[in-house]
Amino acid sequence: MSLFKGFKLYEVLESKPRVLITVLSEQLALTNQALEGMSTEMKVVQQDRRRLEDRVGELENRIKSLEDK
């Protein structure tokens, strides 16, 4: 059973606090980078979705105008 993700109980008990802090801070930095990348990717996906929704709206208006003729 792990006390912390990535650490076994004996590692936590036997390791020096500085080692644990260093490892955890590195993992936190990697997690933050991953979250930042996901945030950027989500912004791009949302922009693409808005563009597609605008395009669909334009096409629906064009179809409606052609049906009215």
N, C-alpha and C. Protein backbone atom coordinates (compact mmCIF):
# COMPACT_ATOMS: atom_id res chain seq x y z
N MET A 1 0.84 -1.17 0.00
CA MET A 1 0.00 0.00 0.00
C MET A 1 0.88 1.24 0.00
N SER A 2 0.54 2.20 -0.84
CA SER A 2 1.33 3.42 -0.94
C SER A 2 0.72 4.52 -0.10
N LEU A 3 1.58 5.21 0.61
CA LEU A 3 1.12 6.34 1.39
C LEU A 3 0.93 7.55 0.47
N PHE A 4 1.89 7.76 -0.42
CA PHE A 4 1.82 8.82 -1.41
C PHE A 4 1.96 8.19 -2.78
N LYS A 5 1.35 8.81 -3.77
CA LYS A 5 1.47 8.28 -5.12
C LYS A 5 2.94 8.27 -5.54
N GLY A 6 3.42 7.14 -5.94
CA GLY A 6 4.80 7.02 -6.38
C GLY A 6 5.77 6.63 -5.28
N PHE A 7 5.35 6.65 -4.04
CA PHE A 7 6.22 6.28 -2.93
C PHE A 7 5.60 5.12 -2.17
N LYS A 8 6.45 4.18 -1.82
CA LYS A 8 6.01 3.11 -0.93
C LYS A 8 6.23 3.59 0.50
N LEU A 9 5.52 3.00 1.45
CA LEU A 9 5.59 3.44 2.84
C LEU A 9 7.02 3.42 3.36
N TYR A 10 7.76 2.35 3.07
CA TYR A 10 9.13 2.27 3.58
C TYR A 10 10.02 3.35 2.98
N GLU A 11 9.74 3.77 1.73
CA GLU A 11 10.54 4.83 1.13
C GLU A 11 10.29 6.16 1.85
N VAL A 12 9.05 6.41 2.22
CA VAL A 12 8.73 7.63 2.94
C VAL A 12 9.39 7.63 4.32
N LEU A 13 9.38 6.48 4.97
CA LEU A 13 9.95 6.40 6.30
C LEU A 13 11.48 6.47 6.29
N GLU A 14 12.10 5.91 5.26
CA GLU A 14 13.56 5.83 5.21
C GLU A 14 14.20 7.03 4.53
N SER A 15 13.50 7.70 3.64
CA SER A 15 14.09 8.80 2.87
C SER A 15 14.20 10.07 3.72
N LYS A 16 15.13 10.89 3.31
CA LYS A 16 15.28 12.19 3.96
C LYS A 16 14.20 13.13 3.41
N PRO A 17 13.71 14.01 4.25
CA PRO A 17 12.66 14.93 3.80
C PRO A 17 13.07 15.75 2.57
N ARG A 18 14.32 16.14 2.50
CA ARG A 18 14.76 16.93 1.34
C ARG A 18 14.63 16.16 0.03
N VAL A 19 14.91 14.86 0.08
CA VAL A 19 14.79 14.02 -1.12
C VAL A 19 13.32 13.95 -1.54
N LEU A 20 12.44 13.72 -0.58
CA LEU A 20 11.02 13.65 -0.88
C LEU A 20 10.51 14.98 -1.44
N ILE A 21 10.93 16.07 -0.83
CA ILE A 21 10.50 17.39 -1.29
C ILE A 21 10.99 17.63 -2.71
N THR A 22 12.22 17.26 -2.99
CA THR A 22 12.78 17.44 -4.34
C THR A 22 11.99 16.64 -5.37
N VAL A 23 11.74 15.38 -5.06
CA VAL A 23 11.00 14.52 -5.99
C VAL A 23 9.58 15.05 -6.19
N LEU A 24 8.93 15.42 -5.09
CA LEU A 24 7.55 15.93 -5.20
C LEU A 24 7.50 17.25 -5.96
N SER A 25 8.48 18.12 -5.76
CA SER A 25 8.47 19.40 -6.47
C SER A 25 8.70 19.19 -7.96
N GLU A 26 9.55 18.22 -8.32
CA GLU A 26 9.74 17.90 -9.74
C GLU A 26 8.45 17.36 -10.36
N GLN A 27 7.78 16.50 -9.62
CA GLN A 27 6.52 15.94 -10.12
C GLN A 27 5.45 17.03 -10.24
N LEU A 28 5.42 17.95 -9.29
CA LEU A 28 4.48 19.07 -9.36
C LEU A 28 4.76 19.95 -10.56
N ALA A 29 6.03 20.19 -10.84
CA ALA A 29 6.39 21.00 -12.01
C ALA A 29 5.93 20.31 -13.30
N LEU A 30 6.12 19.01 -13.38
CA LEU A 30 5.67 18.26 -14.56
C LEU A 30 4.15 18.30 -14.69
N THR A 31 3.46 18.18 -13.56
CA THR A 31 2.00 18.24 -13.57
C THR A 31 1.53 19.61 -14.03
N ASN A 32 2.16 20.66 -13.54
CA ASN A 32 1.80 22.02 -13.95
C ASN A 32 2.03 22.22 -15.45
N GLN A 33 3.11 21.69 -15.98
CA GLN A 33 3.37 21.79 -17.42
C GLN A 33 2.29 21.07 -18.21
N ALA A 34 1.91 19.89 -17.74
CA ALA A 34 0.87 19.13 -18.42
C ALA A 34 -0.46 19.88 -18.39
N LEU A 35 -0.79 20.46 -17.25
CA LEU A 35 -2.05 21.22 -17.13
C LEU A 35 -2.03 22.46 -18.02
N GLU A 36 -0.90 23.11 -18.11
CA GLU A 36 -0.79 24.28 -18.97
C GLU A 36 -0.97 23.89 -20.44
N GLY A 37 -0.36 22.77 -20.81
CA GLY A 37 -0.52 22.27 -22.18
C GLY A 37 -1.97 21.91 -22.49
N MET A 38 -2.63 21.28 -21.52
CA MET A 38 -4.04 20.92 -21.72
C MET A 38 -4.91 22.16 -21.82
N SER A 39 -4.60 23.18 -21.03
CA SER A 39 -5.36 24.43 -21.06
C SER A 39 -5.23 25.10 -22.42
N THR A 40 -4.01 25.15 -22.93
CA THR A 40 -3.77 25.72 -24.25
C THR A 40 -4.51 24.93 -25.33
N GLU A 41 -4.45 23.63 -25.22
CA GLU A 41 -5.13 22.78 -26.19
C GLU A 41 -6.65 22.97 -26.14
N MET A 42 -7.19 23.11 -24.93
CA MET A 42 -8.63 23.33 -24.79
C MET A 42 -9.05 24.67 -25.41
N LYS A 43 -8.21 25.70 -25.27
CA LYS A 43 -8.51 26.99 -25.88
C LYS A 43 -8.57 26.87 -27.40
N VAL A 44 -7.63 26.13 -27.96
CA VAL A 44 -7.61 25.93 -29.41
C VAL A 44 -8.85 25.17 -29.86
N VAL A 45 -9.22 24.12 -29.12
CA VAL A 45 -10.40 23.32 -29.46
C VAL A 45 -11.66 24.19 -29.38
N GLN A 46 -11.76 25.03 -28.36
CA GLN A 46 -12.93 25.90 -28.22
C GLN A 46 -13.01 26.91 -29.37
N GLN A 47 -11.86 27.46 -29.76
CA GLN A 47 -11.85 28.38 -30.90
C GLN A 47 -12.30 27.68 -32.18
N ASP A 48 -11.79 26.48 -32.39
CA ASP A 48 -12.18 25.70 -33.57
C ASP A 48 -13.68 25.40 -33.54
N ARG A 49 -14.20 25.05 -32.37
CA ARG A 49 -15.63 24.77 -32.23
C ARG A 49 -16.45 26.00 -32.56
N ARG A 50 -16.03 27.16 -32.06
CA ARG A 50 -16.77 28.40 -32.36
C ARG A 50 -16.76 28.70 -33.85
N ARG A 51 -15.59 28.52 -34.48
CA ARG A 51 -15.50 28.75 -35.93
C ARG A 51 -16.44 27.81 -36.69
N LEU A 52 -16.47 26.54 -36.27
CA LEU A 52 -17.36 25.58 -36.94
C LEU A 52 -18.82 25.92 -36.71
N GLU A 53 -19.15 26.36 -35.49
CA GLU A 53 -20.53 26.76 -35.22
C GLU A 53 -20.92 27.97 -36.07
N ASP A 54 -20.01 28.92 -36.22
CA ASP A 54 -20.28 30.08 -37.07
C ASP A 54 -20.47 29.65 -38.52
N ARG A 55 -19.65 28.73 -38.97
CA ARG A 55 -19.75 28.24 -40.35
C ARG A 55 -21.08 27.51 -40.56
N VAL A 56 -21.48 26.70 -39.59
CA VAL A 56 -22.76 25.99 -39.69
C VAL A 56 -23.90 27.00 -39.74
N GLY A 57 -23.82 28.04 -38.91
CA GLY A 57 -24.85 29.08 -38.94
C GLY A 57 -24.93 29.76 -40.29
N GLU A 58 -23.78 30.06 -40.89
CA GLU A 58 -23.75 30.67 -42.23
C GLU A 58 -24.39 29.74 -43.26
N LEU A 59 -24.06 28.45 -43.18
CA LEU A 59 -24.62 27.49 -44.12
C LEU A 59 -26.13 27.34 -43.94
N GLU A 60 -26.58 27.34 -42.68
CA GLU A 60 -28.03 27.26 -42.44
C GLU A 60 -28.74 28.47 -43.00
N ASN A 61 -28.16 29.66 -42.84
CA ASN A 61 -28.76 30.87 -43.39
C ASN A 61 -28.79 30.82 -44.92
N ARG A 62 -27.72 30.32 -45.51
CA ARG A 62 -27.67 30.21 -46.97
C ARG A 62 -28.73 29.24 -47.48
N ILE A 63 -28.87 28.10 -46.80
CA ILE A 63 -29.88 27.11 -47.18
C ILE A 63 -31.27 27.71 -47.06
N LYS A 64 -31.51 28.43 -45.99
CA LYS A 64 -32.82 29.05 -45.77
C LYS A 64 -33.12 30.07 -46.86
N SER A 65 -32.09 30.87 -47.23
CA SER A 65 -32.32 31.87 -48.28
C SER A 65 -32.58 31.19 -49.62
N LEU A 66 -31.95 30.06 -49.88
CA LEU A 66 -32.19 29.34 -51.13
C LEU A 66 -33.58 28.70 -51.13
N GLU A 67 -34.03 28.25 -49.96
CA GLU A 67 -35.38 27.67 -49.87
C GLU A 67 -36.45 28.73 -50.07
N ASP A 68 -36.16 29.95 -49.64
CA ASP A 68 -37.14 31.04 -49.76
C ASP A 68 -37.31 31.51 -51.21
N LYS A 69 -36.37 31.23 -52.06
CA LYS A 69 -36.46 31.69 -53.46
C LYS A 69 -37.43 30.91 -54.26
